[in-house]
Amino acid sequence: MKRLTEFFTATLLLGMISSQAYSHTTVVVEEVPSTQVIVVNEAPPAPIVEQVSPSPGNDYALVAGHWEWNGQWVWKRHAWVLKPYASAYWEPAHWHWSHHHHGYVWEDGHWK
């Protein structure tokens, strides 16, 4: 039993050490568009200036960081997203004022 415990401890430590060697580039392969209309009565804060991680390759587009609402403003970091085809470009998501909804409405980003 002691050898089994030593084996699991060594495996766990090796996994922790090796995981620290990898960079933290976020890649999203596919996003599902939202059909829910999100309306917030207060304007989002100013965007946070991020240091952009290196691109994983020419087949990826940068999706900029932005504010999301989940009862409070939460910053979602930028991500590199695999393009659906070579000439595709990402139309960024954004918040805009809507007189119809009397608040700021979220518009999802999409490929063009």
PDB file of N, CA and C in Angstrom:
ATOM      1  N   MET A   1       0.826  -1.190   0.000  1.00  0.00           N
ATOM      2  CA  MET A   1       0.000   0.000   0.000  1.00  0.00           C
ATOM      3  C   MET A   1       0.871   1.254   0.000  1.00  0.00           C
ATOM      4  N   LYS A   2       2.008   1.201   0.744  1.00  0.00           N
ATOM      5  CA  LYS A   2       2.891   2.345   0.812  1.00  0.00           C
ATOM      6  C   LYS A   2       3.475   2.648  -0.566  1.00  0.00           C
ATOM      7  N   ARG A   3       3.847   1.597  -1.338  1.00  0.00           N
ATOM      8  CA  ARG A   3       4.397   1.807  -2.679  1.00  0.00           C
ATOM      9  C   ARG A   3       3.334   2.421  -3.598  1.00  0.00           C
ATOM     10  N   LEU A   4       2.096   1.975  -3.458  1.00  0.00           N
ATOM     11  CA  LEU A   4       1.016   2.525  -4.276  1.00  0.00           C
ATOM     12  C   LEU A   4       0.822   4.008  -3.954  1.00  0.00           C
ATOM     13  N   THR A   5       0.852   4.369  -2.691  1.00  0.00           N
ATOM     14  CA  THR A   5       0.725   5.773  -2.285  1.00  0.00           C
ATOM     15  C   THR A   5       1.894   6.589  -2.821  1.00  0.00           C
ATOM     16  N   GLU A   6       3.126   6.041  -2.731  1.00  0.00           N
ATOM     17  CA  GLU A   6       4.300   6.748  -3.263  1.00  0.00           C
ATOM     18  C   GLU A   6       4.168   6.941  -4.773  1.00  0.00           C
ATOM     19  N   PHE A   7       3.659   5.930  -5.486  1.00  0.00           N
ATOM     20  CA  PHE A   7       3.480   6.010  -6.933  1.00  0.00           C
ATOM     21  C   PHE A   7       2.501   7.132  -7.285  1.00  0.00           C
ATOM     22  N   PHE A   8       1.352   7.183  -6.619  1.00  0.00           N
ATOM     23  CA  PHE A   8       0.353   8.220  -6.898  1.00  0.00           C
ATOM     24  C   PHE A   8       0.877   9.609  -6.547  1.00  0.00           C
ATOM     25  N   THR A   9       1.621   9.723  -5.457  1.00  0.00           N
ATOM     26  CA  THR A   9       2.204  11.012  -5.068  1.00  0.00           C
ATOM     27  C   THR A   9       3.201  11.475  -6.117  1.00  0.00           C
ATOM     28  N   ALA A  10       4.062  10.583  -6.579  1.00  0.00           N
ATOM     29  CA  ALA A  10       5.054  10.923  -7.607  1.00  0.00           C
ATOM     30  C   ALA A  10       4.366  11.292  -8.915  1.00  0.00           C
ATOM     31  N   THR A  11       3.327  10.556  -9.292  1.00  0.00           N
ATOM     32  CA  THR A  11       2.590  10.851 -10.516  1.00  0.00           C
ATOM     33  C   THR A  11       1.922  12.213 -10.434  1.00  0.00           C
ATOM     34  N   LEU A  12       1.325  12.528  -9.285  1.00  0.00           N
ATOM     35  CA  LEU A  12       0.672  13.821  -9.085  1.00  0.00           C
ATOM     36  C   LEU A  12       1.690  14.953  -9.167  1.00  0.00           C
ATOM     37  N   LEU A  13       2.832  14.807  -8.498  1.00  0.00           N
ATOM     38  CA  LEU A  13       3.865  15.843  -8.522  1.00  0.00           C
ATOM     39  C   LEU A  13       4.421  16.025  -9.927  1.00  0.00           C
ATOM     40  N   LEU A  14       4.659  14.944 -10.648  1.00  0.00           N
ATOM     41  CA  LEU A  14       5.157  15.028 -12.018  1.00  0.00           C
ATOM     42  C   LEU A  14       4.158  15.750 -12.899  1.00  0.00           C
ATOM     43  N   GLY A  15       2.880  15.472 -12.722  1.00  0.00           N
ATOM     44  CA  GLY A  15       1.833  16.149 -13.486  1.00  0.00           C
ATOM     45  C   GLY A  15       1.791  17.627 -13.180  1.00  0.00           C
ATOM     46  N   MET A  16       1.974  17.993 -11.916  1.00  0.00           N
ATOM     47  CA  MET A  16       1.958  19.411 -11.536  1.00  0.00           C
ATOM     48  C   MET A  16       3.157  20.139 -12.119  1.00  0.00           C
ATOM     49  N   ILE A  17       4.320  19.529 -12.084  1.00  0.00           N
ATOM     50  CA  ILE A  17       5.527  20.161 -12.616  1.00  0.00           C
ATOM     51  C   ILE A  17       5.429  20.308 -14.130  1.00  0.00           C
ATOM     52  N   SER A  18       5.003  19.255 -14.826  1.00  0.00           N
ATOM     53  CA  SER A  18       4.937  19.319 -16.290  1.00  0.00           C
ATOM     54  C   SER A  18       3.857  20.274 -16.763  1.00  0.00           C
ATOM     55  N   SER A  19       2.779  20.436 -15.999  1.00  0.00           N
ATOM     56  CA  SER A  19       1.715  21.340 -16.426  1.00  0.00           C
ATOM     57  C   SER A  19       2.157  22.794 -16.337  1.00  0.00           C
ATOM     58  N   GLN A  20       3.138  23.100 -15.502  1.00  0.00           N
ATOM     59  CA  GLN A  20       3.617  24.472 -15.378  1.00  0.00           C
ATOM     60  C   GLN A  20       4.473  24.874 -16.569  1.00  0.00           C
ATOM     61  N   ALA A  21       4.960  23.917 -17.348  1.00  0.00           N
ATOM     62  CA  ALA A  21       5.820  24.220 -18.491  1.00  0.00           C
ATOM     63  C   ALA A  21       5.021  24.688 -19.697  1.00  0.00           C
ATOM     64  N   TYR A  22       3.729  24.461 -19.747  1.00  0.00           N
ATOM     65  CA  TYR A  22       2.909  24.831 -20.885  1.00  0.00           C
ATOM     66  C   TYR A  22       2.453  26.278 -20.780  1.00  0.00           C
ATOM     67  N   SER A  23       2.301  26.936 -21.943  1.00  0.00           N
ATOM     68  CA  SER A  23       1.785  28.304 -21.937  1.00  0.00           C
ATOM     69  C   SER A  23       0.278  28.261 -21.717  1.00  0.00           C
ATOM     70  N   HIS A  24      -0.316  29.416 -21.414  1.00  0.00           N
ATOM     71  CA  HIS A  24      -1.740  29.487 -21.125  1.00  0.00           C
ATOM     72  C   HIS A  24      -2.480  30.191 -22.248  1.00  0.00           C
ATOM     73  N   THR A  25      -2.355  29.712 -23.477  1.00  0.00           N
ATOM     74  CA  THR A  25      -3.094  30.264 -24.608  1.00  0.00           C
ATOM     75  C   THR A  25      -4.468  29.623 -24.637  1.00  0.00           C
ATOM     76  N   THR A  26      -5.511  30.451 -24.692  1.00  0.00           N
ATOM     77  CA  THR A  26      -6.868  29.943 -24.741  1.00  0.00           C
ATOM     78  C   THR A  26      -7.294  29.812 -26.191  1.00  0.00           C
ATOM     79  N   VAL A  27      -7.775  28.645 -26.575  1.00  0.00           N
ATOM     80  CA  VAL A  27      -8.250  28.414 -27.931  1.00  0.00           C
ATOM     81  C   VAL A  27      -9.674  27.887 -27.856  1.00  0.00           C
ATOM     82  N   VAL A  28     -10.579  28.540 -28.565  1.00  0.00           N
ATOM     83  CA  VAL A  28     -11.960  28.105 -28.634  1.00  0.00           C
ATOM     84  C   VAL A  28     -12.179  27.565 -30.038  1.00  0.00           C
ATOM     85  N   VAL A  29     -12.611  26.333 -30.158  1.00  0.00           N
ATOM     86  CA  VAL A  29     -12.786  25.726 -31.466  1.00  0.00           C
ATOM     87  C   VAL A  29     -14.142  26.077 -32.053  1.00  0.00           C
ATOM     88  N   GLU A  30     -15.174  26.133 -31.234  1.00  0.00           N
ATOM     89  CA  GLU A  30     -16.518  26.413 -31.734  1.00  0.00           C
ATOM     90  C   GLU A  30     -17.314  27.125 -30.649  1.00  0.00           C
ATOM     91  N   GLU A  31     -18.089  28.117 -31.059  1.00  0.00           N
ATOM     92  CA  GLU A  31     -18.975  28.794 -30.124  1.00  0.00           C
ATOM     93  C   GLU A  31     -20.410  28.629 -30.601  1.00  0.00           C
ATOM     94  N   VAL A  32     -21.313  28.404 -29.670  1.00  0.00           N
ATOM     95  CA  VAL A  32     -22.727  28.266 -29.993  1.00  0.00           C
ATOM     96  C   VAL A  32     -23.388  29.618 -29.770  1.00  0.00           C
ATOM     97  N   PRO A  33     -24.027  30.197 -30.797  1.00  0.00           N
ATOM     98  CA  PRO A  33     -24.651  31.510 -30.606  1.00  0.00           C
ATOM     99  C   PRO A  33     -25.792  31.457 -29.592  1.00  0.00           C
ATOM    100  N   SER A  34     -25.934  32.541 -28.853  1.00  0.00           N
ATOM    101  CA  SER A  34     -26.978  32.648 -27.841  1.00  0.00           C
ATOM    102  C   SER A  34     -28.241  33.222 -28.471  1.00  0.00           C
ATOM    103  N   THR A  35     -29.405  32.703 -28.089  1.00  0.00           N
ATOM    104  CA  THR A  35     -30.675  33.236 -28.572  1.00  0.00           C
ATOM    105  C   THR A  35     -31.324  34.123 -27.516  1.00  0.00           C
ATOM    106  N   GLN A  36     -30.727  34.200 -26.341  1.00  0.00           N
ATOM    107  CA  GLN A  36     -31.255  34.981 -25.236  1.00  0.00           C
ATOM    108  C   GLN A  36     -30.842  36.445 -25.413  1.00  0.00           C
ATOM    109  N   VAL A  37     -31.781  37.372 -25.222  1.00  0.00           N
ATOM    110  CA  VAL A  37     -31.472  38.798 -25.266  1.00  0.00           C
ATOM    111  C   VAL A  37     -31.042  39.219 -23.863  1.00  0.00           C
ATOM    112  N   ILE A  38     -29.835  39.776 -23.758  1.00  0.00           N
ATOM    113  CA  ILE A  38     -29.314  40.222 -22.474  1.00  0.00           C
ATOM    114  C   ILE A  38     -29.379  41.742 -22.453  1.00  0.00           C
ATOM    115  N   VAL A  39     -30.099  42.295 -21.475  1.00  0.00           N
ATOM    116  CA  VAL A  39     -30.251  43.745 -21.339  1.00  0.00           C
ATOM    117  C   VAL A  39     -29.798  44.138 -19.934  1.00  0.00           C
ATOM    118  N   VAL A  40     -28.913  45.148 -19.864  1.00  0.00           N
ATOM    119  CA  VAL A  40     -28.388  45.630 -18.588  1.00  0.00           C
ATOM    120  C   VAL A  40     -28.647  47.133 -18.517  1.00  0.00           C
ATOM    121  N   ASN A  41     -29.086  47.619 -17.380  1.00  0.00           N
ATOM    122  CA  ASN A  41     -29.425  49.033 -17.230  1.00  0.00           C
ATOM    123  C   ASN A  41     -28.222  49.957 -17.062  1.00  0.00           C
ATOM    124  N   GLU A  42     -27.072  49.416 -16.697  1.00  0.00           N
ATOM    125  CA  GLU A  42     -25.891  50.251 -16.515  1.00  0.00           C
ATOM    126  C   GLU A  42     -24.866  49.960 -17.602  1.00  0.00           C
ATOM    127  N   ALA A  43     -24.114  50.975 -17.980  1.00  0.00           N
ATOM    128  CA  ALA A  43     -23.091  50.820 -19.026  1.00  0.00           C
ATOM    129  C   ALA A  43     -21.964  49.916 -18.527  1.00  0.00           C
ATOM    130  N   PRO A  44     -21.372  49.131 -19.433  1.00  0.00           N
ATOM    131  CA  PRO A  44     -20.222  48.324 -19.015  1.00  0.00           C
ATOM    132  C   PRO A  44     -19.035  49.221 -18.697  1.00  0.00           C
ATOM    133  N   PRO A  45     -18.126  48.753 -17.833  1.00  0.00           N
ATOM    134  CA  PRO A  45     -16.912  49.527 -17.553  1.00  0.00           C
ATOM    135  C   PRO A  45     -16.053  49.665 -18.815  1.00  0.00           C
ATOM    136  N   ALA A  46     -15.063  50.520 -18.748  1.00  0.00           N
ATOM    137  CA  ALA A  46     -14.118  50.653 -19.866  1.00  0.00           C
ATOM    138  C   ALA A  46     -13.401  49.321 -20.075  1.00  0.00           C
ATOM    139  N   PRO A  47     -13.062  48.994 -21.334  1.00  0.00           N
ATOM    140  CA  PRO A  47     -12.353  47.735 -21.589  1.00  0.00           C
ATOM    141  C   PRO A  47     -11.019  47.682 -20.850  1.00  0.00           C
ATOM    142  N   ILE A  48     -10.625  46.489 -20.480  1.00  0.00           N
ATOM    143  CA  ILE A  48      -9.333  46.258 -19.845  1.00  0.00           C
ATOM    144  C   ILE A  48      -8.307  46.045 -20.945  1.00  0.00           C
ATOM    145  N   VAL A  49      -7.170  46.718 -20.840  1.00  0.00           N
ATOM    146  CA  VAL A  49      -6.099  46.532 -21.817  1.00  0.00           C
ATOM    147  C   VAL A  49      -5.347  45.265 -21.430  1.00  0.00           C
ATOM    148  N   GLU A  50      -5.350  44.288 -22.339  1.00  0.00           N
ATOM    149  CA  GLU A  50      -4.711  43.003 -22.064  1.00  0.00           C
ATOM    150  C   GLU A  50      -3.427  42.860 -22.877  1.00  0.00           C
ATOM    151  N   GLN A  51      -2.509  42.076 -22.348  1.00  0.00           N
ATOM    152  CA  GLN A  51      -1.364  41.655 -23.137  1.00  0.00           C
ATOM    153  C   GLN A  51      -1.832  40.419 -23.894  1.00  0.00           C
ATOM    154  N   VAL A  52      -1.867  40.516 -25.219  1.00  0.00           N
ATOM    155  CA  VAL A  52      -2.410  39.433 -26.039  1.00  0.00           C
ATOM    156  C   VAL A  52      -1.383  38.316 -26.164  1.00  0.00           C
ATOM    157  N   SER A  53      -1.844  37.098 -25.927  1.00  0.00           N
ATOM    158  CA  SER A  53      -0.974  35.939 -26.058  1.00  0.00           C
ATOM    159  C   SER A  53      -0.649  35.714 -27.538  1.00  0.00           C
ATOM    160  N   PRO A  54       0.469  35.048 -27.835  1.00  0.00           N
ATOM    161  CA  PRO A  54       0.826  34.803 -29.237  1.00  0.00           C
ATOM    162  C   PRO A  54      -0.215  33.926 -29.940  1.00  0.00           C
ATOM    163  N   SER A  55      -0.406  34.169 -31.226  1.00  0.00           N
ATOM    164  CA  SER A  55      -1.350  33.374 -32.017  1.00  0.00           C
ATOM    165  C   SER A  55      -0.843  31.942 -32.142  1.00  0.00           C
ATOM    166  N   PRO A  56      -1.752  30.964 -32.040  1.00  0.00           N
ATOM    167  CA  PRO A  56      -1.327  29.573 -32.228  1.00  0.00           C
ATOM    168  C   PRO A  56      -1.082  29.229 -33.698  1.00  0.00           C
ATOM    169  N   GLY A  57      -1.461  30.121 -34.628  1.00  0.00           N
ATOM    170  CA  GLY A  57      -1.229  29.854 -36.051  1.00  0.00           C
ATOM    171  C   GLY A  57      -2.040  30.771 -36.938  1.00  0.00           C
ATOM    172  N   ASN A  58      -1.779  30.708 -38.237  1.00  0.00           N
ATOM    173  CA  ASN A  58      -2.465  31.561 -39.214  1.00  0.00           C
ATOM    174  C   ASN A  58      -3.942  31.235 -39.374  1.00  0.00           C
ATOM    175  N   ASP A  59      -4.365  30.079 -38.940  1.00  0.00           N
ATOM    176  CA  ASP A  59      -5.762  29.670 -39.072  1.00  0.00           C
ATOM    177  C   ASP A  59      -6.635  30.162 -37.927  1.00  0.00           C
ATOM    178  N   TYR A  60      -6.094  31.041 -37.077  1.00  0.00           N
ATOM    179  CA  TYR A  60      -6.815  31.517 -35.910  1.00  0.00           C
ATOM    180  C   TYR A  60      -7.072  33.023 -35.994  1.00  0.00           C
ATOM    181  N   ALA A  61      -8.178  33.455 -35.411  1.00  0.00           N
ATOM    182  CA  ALA A  61      -8.513  34.870 -35.306  1.00  0.00           C
ATOM    183  C   ALA A  61      -8.602  35.233 -33.829  1.00  0.00           C
ATOM    184  N   LEU A  62      -8.238  36.463 -33.515  1.00  0.00           N
ATOM    185  CA  LEU A  62      -8.298  36.933 -32.137  1.00  0.00           C
ATOM    186  C   LEU A  62      -9.702  37.429 -31.814  1.00  0.00           C
ATOM    187  N   VAL A  63     -10.278  36.896 -30.755  1.00  0.00           N
ATOM    188  CA  VAL A  63     -11.539  37.407 -30.215  1.00  0.00           C
ATOM    189  C   VAL A  63     -11.141  38.215 -28.986  1.00  0.00           C
ATOM    190  N   ALA A  64     -11.330  39.521 -29.069  1.00  0.00           N
ATOM    191  CA  ALA A  64     -10.871  40.425 -28.012  1.00  0.00           C
ATOM    192  C   ALA A  64     -11.615  40.170 -26.703  1.00  0.00           C
ATOM    193  N   GLY A  65     -10.966  40.529 -25.610  1.00  0.00           N
ATOM    194  CA  GLY A  65     -11.617  40.452 -24.310  1.00  0.00           C
ATOM    195  C   GLY A  65     -12.777  41.443 -24.239  1.00  0.00           C
ATOM    196  N   HIS A  66     -13.758  41.135 -23.402  1.00  0.00           N
ATOM    197  CA  HIS A  66     -14.936  41.995 -23.295  1.00  0.00           C
ATOM    198  C   HIS A  66     -15.634  41.748 -21.957  1.00  0.00           C
ATOM    199  N   TRP A  67     -16.511  42.677 -21.619  1.00  0.00           N
ATOM    200  CA  TRP A  67     -17.289  42.555 -20.386  1.00  0.00           C
ATOM    201  C   TRP A  67     -18.519  41.696 -20.618  1.00  0.00           C
ATOM    202  N   GLU A  68     -18.785  40.790 -19.689  1.00  0.00           N
ATOM    203  CA  GLU A  68     -20.006  39.978 -19.690  1.00  0.00           C
ATOM    204  C   GLU A  68     -20.803  40.336 -18.440  1.00  0.00           C
ATOM    205  N   TRP A  69     -22.089  40.057 -18.481  1.00  0.00           N
ATOM    206  CA  TRP A  69     -22.972  40.333 -17.348  1.00  0.00           C
ATOM    207  C   TRP A  69     -23.528  39.038 -16.809  1.00  0.00           C
ATOM    208  N   ASN A  70     -23.347  38.793 -15.507  1.00  0.00           N
ATOM    209  CA  ASN A  70     -23.964  37.645 -14.836  1.00  0.00           C
ATOM    210  C   ASN A  70     -24.511  38.082 -13.473  1.00  0.00           C
ATOM    211  N   GLY A  71     -25.121  39.289 -13.470  1.00  0.00           N
ATOM    212  CA  GLY A  71     -25.566  39.900 -12.227  1.00  0.00           C
ATOM    213  C   GLY A  71     -24.581  40.963 -11.771  1.00  0.00           C
ATOM    214  N   GLN A  72     -23.384  40.908 -12.323  1.00  0.00           N
ATOM    215  CA  GLN A  72     -22.348  41.917 -12.137  1.00  0.00           C
ATOM    216  C   GLN A  72     -21.439  41.849 -13.361  1.00  0.00           C
ATOM    217  N   TRP A  73     -20.644  42.888 -13.596  1.00  0.00           N
ATOM    218  CA  TRP A  73     -19.739  42.893 -14.737  1.00  0.00           C
ATOM    219  C   TRP A  73     -18.549  41.997 -14.464  1.00  0.00           C
ATOM    220  N   VAL A  74     -18.258  41.100 -15.423  1.00  0.00           N
ATOM    221  CA  VAL A  74     -17.141  40.160 -15.330  1.00  0.00           C
ATOM    222  C   VAL A  74     -16.362  40.233 -16.636  1.00  0.00           C
ATOM    223  N   TRP A  75     -15.044  40.378 -16.552  1.00  0.00           N
ATOM    224  CA  TRP A  75     -14.208  40.465 -17.744  1.00  0.00           C
ATOM    225  C   TRP A  75     -13.922  39.072 -18.289  1.00  0.00           C
ATOM    226  N   LYS A  76     -14.148  38.892 -19.583  1.00  0.00           N
ATOM    227  CA  LYS A  76     -13.806  37.642 -20.267  1.00  0.00           C
ATOM    228  C   LYS A  76     -12.562  37.917 -21.103  1.00  0.00           C
ATOM    229  N   ARG A  77     -11.490  37.209 -20.809  1.00  0.00           N
ATOM    230  CA  ARG A  77     -10.208  37.418 -21.498  1.00  0.00           C
ATOM    231  C   ARG A  77     -10.302  37.092 -22.988  1.00  0.00           C
ATOM    232  N   HIS A  78      -9.368  37.638 -23.720  1.00  0.00           N
ATOM    233  CA  HIS A  78      -9.288  37.356 -25.149  1.00  0.00           C
ATOM    234  C   HIS A  78      -9.054  35.860 -25.388  1.00  0.00           C
ATOM    235  N   ALA A  79      -9.326  35.419 -26.595  1.00  0.00           N
ATOM    236  CA  ALA A  79      -9.094  34.018 -26.966  1.00  0.00           C
ATOM    237  C   ALA A  79      -8.771  33.947 -28.453  1.00  0.00           C
ATOM    238  N   TRP A  80      -7.989  32.975 -28.825  1.00  0.00           N
ATOM    239  CA  TRP A  80      -7.720  32.692 -30.231  1.00  0.00           C
ATOM    240  C   TRP A  80      -8.701  31.619 -30.674  1.00  0.00           C
ATOM    241  N   VAL A  81      -9.419  31.883 -31.775  1.00  0.00           N
ATOM    242  CA  VAL A  81     -10.476  30.984 -32.243  1.00  0.00           C
ATOM    243  C   VAL A  81     -10.127  30.499 -33.642  1.00  0.00           C
ATOM    244  N   LEU A  82     -10.304  29.216 -33.858  1.00  0.00           N
ATOM    245  CA  LEU A  82     -10.034  28.620 -35.163  1.00  0.00           C
ATOM    246  C   LEU A  82     -11.024  29.152 -36.187  1.00  0.00           C
ATOM    247  N   LYS A  83     -10.509  29.691 -37.303  1.00  0.00           N
ATOM    248  CA  LYS A  83     -11.377  30.229 -38.357  1.00  0.00           C
ATOM    249  C   LYS A  83     -12.134  29.088 -39.042  1.00  0.00           C
ATOM    250  N   PRO A  84     -13.403  29.308 -39.406  1.00  0.00           N
ATOM    251  CA  PRO A  84     -14.156  28.260 -40.092  1.00  0.00           C
ATOM    252  C   PRO A  84     -13.694  28.069 -41.548  1.00  0.00           C
ATOM    253  N   TYR A  85     -13.087  29.104 -42.135  1.00  0.00           N
ATOM    254  CA  TYR A  85     -12.504  29.026 -43.478  1.00  0.00           C
ATOM    255  C   TYR A  85     -11.430  30.107 -43.574  1.00  0.00           C
ATOM    256  N   ALA A  86     -10.533  29.977 -44.540  1.00  0.00           N
ATOM    257  CA  ALA A  86      -9.321  30.794 -44.590  1.00  0.00           C
ATOM    258  C   ALA A  86      -9.571  32.302 -44.614  1.00  0.00           C
ATOM    259  N   SER A  87     -10.569  32.780 -45.360  1.00  0.00           N
ATOM    260  CA  SER A  87     -10.773  34.221 -45.493  1.00  0.00           C
ATOM    261  C   SER A  87     -11.749  34.789 -44.449  1.00  0.00           C
ATOM    262  N   ALA A  88     -12.153  33.991 -43.485  1.00  0.00           N
ATOM    263  CA  ALA A  88     -13.109  34.434 -42.460  1.00  0.00           C
ATOM    264  C   ALA A  88     -12.478  35.481 -41.553  1.00  0.00           C
ATOM    265  N   TYR A  89     -13.303  36.425 -41.102  1.00  0.00           N
ATOM    266  CA  TYR A  89     -12.855  37.349 -40.069  1.00  0.00           C
ATOM    267  C   TYR A  89     -13.950  37.474 -39.009  1.00  0.00           C
ATOM    268  N   TRP A  90     -13.550  37.805 -37.803  1.00  0.00           N
ATOM    269  CA  TRP A  90     -14.437  37.851 -36.647  1.00  0.00           C
ATOM    270  C   TRP A  90     -15.009  39.246 -36.480  1.00  0.00           C
ATOM    271  N   GLU A  91     -16.319  39.364 -36.508  1.00  0.00           N
ATOM    272  CA  GLU A  91     -17.022  40.612 -36.200  1.00  0.00           C
ATOM    273  C   GLU A  91     -17.200  40.624 -34.684  1.00  0.00           C
ATOM    274  N   PRO A  92     -16.555  41.550 -33.973  1.00  0.00           N
ATOM    275  CA  PRO A  92     -16.537  41.489 -32.509  1.00  0.00           C
ATOM    276  C   PRO A  92     -17.913  41.641 -31.855  1.00  0.00           C
ATOM    277  N   ALA A  93     -18.067  40.970 -30.740  1.00  0.00           N
ATOM    278  CA  ALA A  93     -19.246  41.143 -29.893  1.00  0.00           C
ATOM    279  C   ALA A  93     -19.153  42.514 -29.238  1.00  0.00           C
ATOM    280  N   HIS A  94     -20.302  43.073 -28.833  1.00  0.00           N
ATOM    281  CA  HIS A  94     -20.288  44.392 -28.199  1.00  0.00           C
ATOM    282  C   HIS A  94     -21.613  44.674 -27.498  1.00  0.00           C
ATOM    283  N   TRP A  95     -21.575  45.673 -26.623  1.00  0.00           N
ATOM    284  CA  TRP A  95     -22.757  46.192 -25.948  1.00  0.00           C
ATOM    285  C   TRP A  95     -23.189  47.454 -26.665  1.00  0.00           C
ATOM    286  N   HIS A  96     -24.488  47.668 -26.832  1.00  0.00           N
ATOM    287  CA  HIS A  96     -24.977  48.916 -27.409  1.00  0.00           C
ATOM    288  C   HIS A  96     -26.263  49.321 -26.709  1.00  0.00           C
ATOM    289  N   TRP A  97     -26.505  50.649 -26.664  1.00  0.00           N
ATOM    290  CA  TRP A  97     -27.707  51.173 -26.035  1.00  0.00           C
ATOM    291  C   TRP A  97     -28.902  50.896 -26.932  1.00  0.00           C
ATOM    292  N   SER A  98     -29.989  50.404 -26.364  1.00  0.00           N
ATOM    293  CA  SER A  98     -31.218  50.132 -27.107  1.00  0.00           C
ATOM    294  C   SER A  98     -32.357  50.937 -26.493  1.00  0.00           C
ATOM    295  N   HIS A  99     -32.932  51.850 -27.294  1.00  0.00           N
ATOM    296  CA  HIS A  99     -34.104  52.599 -26.818  1.00  0.00           C
ATOM    297  C   HIS A  99     -35.294  51.657 -26.646  1.00  0.00           C
ATOM    298  N   HIS A 100     -35.366  50.660 -27.522  1.00  0.00           N
ATOM    299  CA  HIS A 100     -36.463  49.689 -27.465  1.00  0.00           C
ATOM    300  C   HIS A 100     -36.447  48.912 -26.143  1.00  0.00           C
ATOM    301  N   HIS A 101     -35.253  48.470 -25.719  1.00  0.00           N
ATOM    302  CA  HIS A 101     -35.121  47.676 -24.495  1.00  0.00           C
ATOM    303  C   HIS A 101     -34.825  48.534 -23.263  1.00  0.00           C
ATOM    304  N   HIS A 102     -34.577  49.842 -23.461  1.00  0.00           N
ATOM    305  CA  HIS A 102     -34.258  50.758 -22.358  1.00  0.00           C
ATOM    306  C   HIS A 102     -33.056  50.281 -21.554  1.00  0.00           C
ATOM    307  N   GLY A 103     -32.015  49.873 -22.256  1.00  0.00           N
ATOM    308  CA  GLY A 103     -30.802  49.413 -21.594  1.00  0.00           C
ATOM    309  C   GLY A 103     -29.743  49.030 -22.609  1.00  0.00           C
ATOM    310  N   TYR A 104     -28.639  48.528 -22.104  1.00  0.00           N
ATOM    311  CA  TYR A 104     -27.537  48.067 -22.954  1.00  0.00           C
ATOM    312  C   TYR A 104     -27.797  46.616 -23.342  1.00  0.00           C
ATOM    313  N   VAL A 105     -27.736  46.349 -24.643  1.00  0.00           N
ATOM    314  CA  VAL A 105     -28.031  45.019 -25.182  1.00  0.00           C
ATOM    315  C   VAL A 105     -26.739  44.398 -25.695  1.00  0.00           C
ATOM    316  N   TRP A 106     -26.577  43.118 -25.421  1.00  0.00           N
ATOM    317  CA  TRP A 106     -25.406  42.364 -25.869  1.00  0.00           C
ATOM    318  C   TRP A 106     -25.640  41.851 -27.286  1.00  0.00           C
ATOM    319  N   GLU A 107     -24.671  42.116 -28.161  1.00  0.00           N
ATOM    320  CA  GLU A 107     -24.686  41.581 -29.529  1.00  0.00           C
ATOM    321  C   GLU A 107     -23.517  40.596 -29.629  1.00  0.00           C
ATOM    322  N   ASP A 108     -23.830  39.333 -29.869  1.00  0.00           N
ATOM    323  CA  ASP A 108     -22.771  38.318 -30.005  1.00  0.00           C
ATOM    324  C   ASP A 108     -21.902  38.603 -31.210  1.00  0.00           C
ATOM    325  N   GLY A 109     -20.645  38.215 -31.111  1.00  0.00           N
ATOM    326  CA  GLY A 109     -19.747  38.270 -32.251  1.00  0.00           C
ATOM    327  C   GLY A 109     -20.100  37.152 -33.224  1.00  0.00           C
ATOM    328  N   HIS A 110     -19.649  37.286 -34.459  1.00  0.00           N
ATOM    329  CA  HIS A 110     -19.924  36.258 -35.470  1.00  0.00           C
ATOM    330  C   HIS A 110     -18.900  36.328 -36.596  1.00  0.00           C
ATOM    331  N   TRP A 111     -18.848  35.271 -37.372  1.00  0.00           N
ATOM    332  CA  TRP A 111     -17.914  35.189 -38.496  1.00  0.00           C
ATOM    333  C   TRP A 111     -18.491  35.860 -39.719  1.00  0.00           C
ATOM    334  N   LYS A 112     -17.628  36.526 -40.484  1.00  0.00           N
ATOM    335  CA  LYS A 112     -18.007  37.116 -41.778  1.00  0.00           C
ATOM    336  C   LYS A 112     -17.055  36.619 -42.823  1.00  0.00           C
TER     337      LYS A 112
END
